[in-house]
């Protein structure tokens, strides 16, 4: 999840899925400030904190966090 990109975005939707049949993946759909949308995987703790409309920020080399 950590990489060299930085961005800010708004949470559009939350979802959970057993994509491989054994691991629960928590994903949020986000809308970046430039308007495009992505689905990103987030930790369980962050997933529990987020609601649609919340703002996320990701700094280079860090995990996304709620602001």
Protein backbone atom coordinates (compact mmCIF):
# COMPACT_ATOMS: atom_id res chain seq x y z
CA UNK A 1 0.00 0.00 0.00
CA UNK A 2 2.86 2.43 0.68
CA UNK A 3 4.43 3.89 -2.43
CA UNK A 4 5.98 7.10 -3.71
CA UNK A 5 2.72 8.78 -4.77
CA UNK A 6 0.87 11.42 -2.79
CA UNK A 7 -2.78 12.38 -3.14
CA UNK A 8 -5.90 13.70 -1.43
CA UNK A 9 -9.37 12.28 -2.03
CA UNK A 10 -12.89 11.83 -0.67
CA UNK A 11 -14.38 8.44 0.26
CA UNK A 12 -17.28 7.57 -2.06
CA UNK A 13 -18.08 3.99 -0.98
CA UNK A 14 -16.92 1.25 1.40
CA UNK A 15 -16.90 -2.45 0.54
CA UNK A 16 -15.67 -5.78 1.88
CA UNK A 17 -15.14 -9.00 -0.02
CA UNK A 18 -13.69 -12.50 0.29
CA UNK A 19 -11.94 -12.26 -3.06
CA UNK A 20 -9.80 -15.36 -2.62
CA UNK A 21 -12.27 -17.26 -0.45
CA UNK A 22 -10.29 -16.99 2.79
CA UNK A 23 -9.06 -13.41 3.30
CA UNK A 24 -11.38 -10.47 3.91
CA UNK A 25 -10.32 -7.45 1.88
CA UNK A 26 -11.52 -4.00 2.91
CA UNK A 27 -11.66 -1.50 0.08
CA UNK A 28 -12.86 2.04 -0.32
CA UNK A 29 -13.75 3.80 -3.54
CA UNK A 30 -12.21 7.27 -3.51
CA UNK A 31 -12.64 10.31 -5.74
CA UNK A 32 -9.38 12.20 -6.17
CA UNK A 33 -9.37 15.99 -6.24
CA UNK A 34 -8.90 15.88 -10.03
CA UNK A 35 -12.17 13.90 -10.35
CA UNK A 36 -11.03 10.35 -11.19
CA UNK A 37 -12.02 7.43 -8.97
CA UNK A 38 -9.95 4.51 -7.64
CA UNK A 39 -10.54 1.54 -5.37
CA UNK A 40 -7.88 1.16 -2.70
CA UNK A 41 -7.31 -1.43 0.00
CA UNK A 42 -7.18 -0.09 3.56
CA UNK A 43 -6.45 -1.51 7.00
CA UNK A 44 -9.22 -2.78 9.24
CA UNK A 45 -8.74 0.09 11.70
CA UNK A 46 -8.96 2.76 9.00
CA UNK A 47 -11.95 1.01 7.39
CA UNK A 48 -13.86 1.15 10.69
CA UNK A 49 -13.20 4.91 11.00
CA UNK A 50 -14.28 5.86 7.48
CA UNK A 51 -17.67 6.91 6.18
CA UNK A 52 -18.61 8.16 2.71
CA UNK A 53 -17.73 11.85 2.50
CA UNK A 54 -14.64 11.56 4.71
CA UNK A 55 -11.42 13.02 3.37
CA UNK A 56 -8.27 10.90 2.99
CA UNK A 57 -4.75 12.09 2.45
CA UNK A 58 -1.77 9.99 1.40
CA UNK A 59 1.75 11.28 1.61
CA UNK A 60 4.61 9.74 -0.36
CA UNK A 61 5.86 6.57 1.34
CA UNK A 62 3.01 6.52 3.89
CA UNK A 63 -0.34 4.76 4.20
CA UNK A 64 -3.54 6.75 3.60
CA UNK A 65 -5.00 8.49 6.67
CA UNK A 66 -8.24 10.24 7.53
CA UNK A 67 -8.18 14.00 8.00
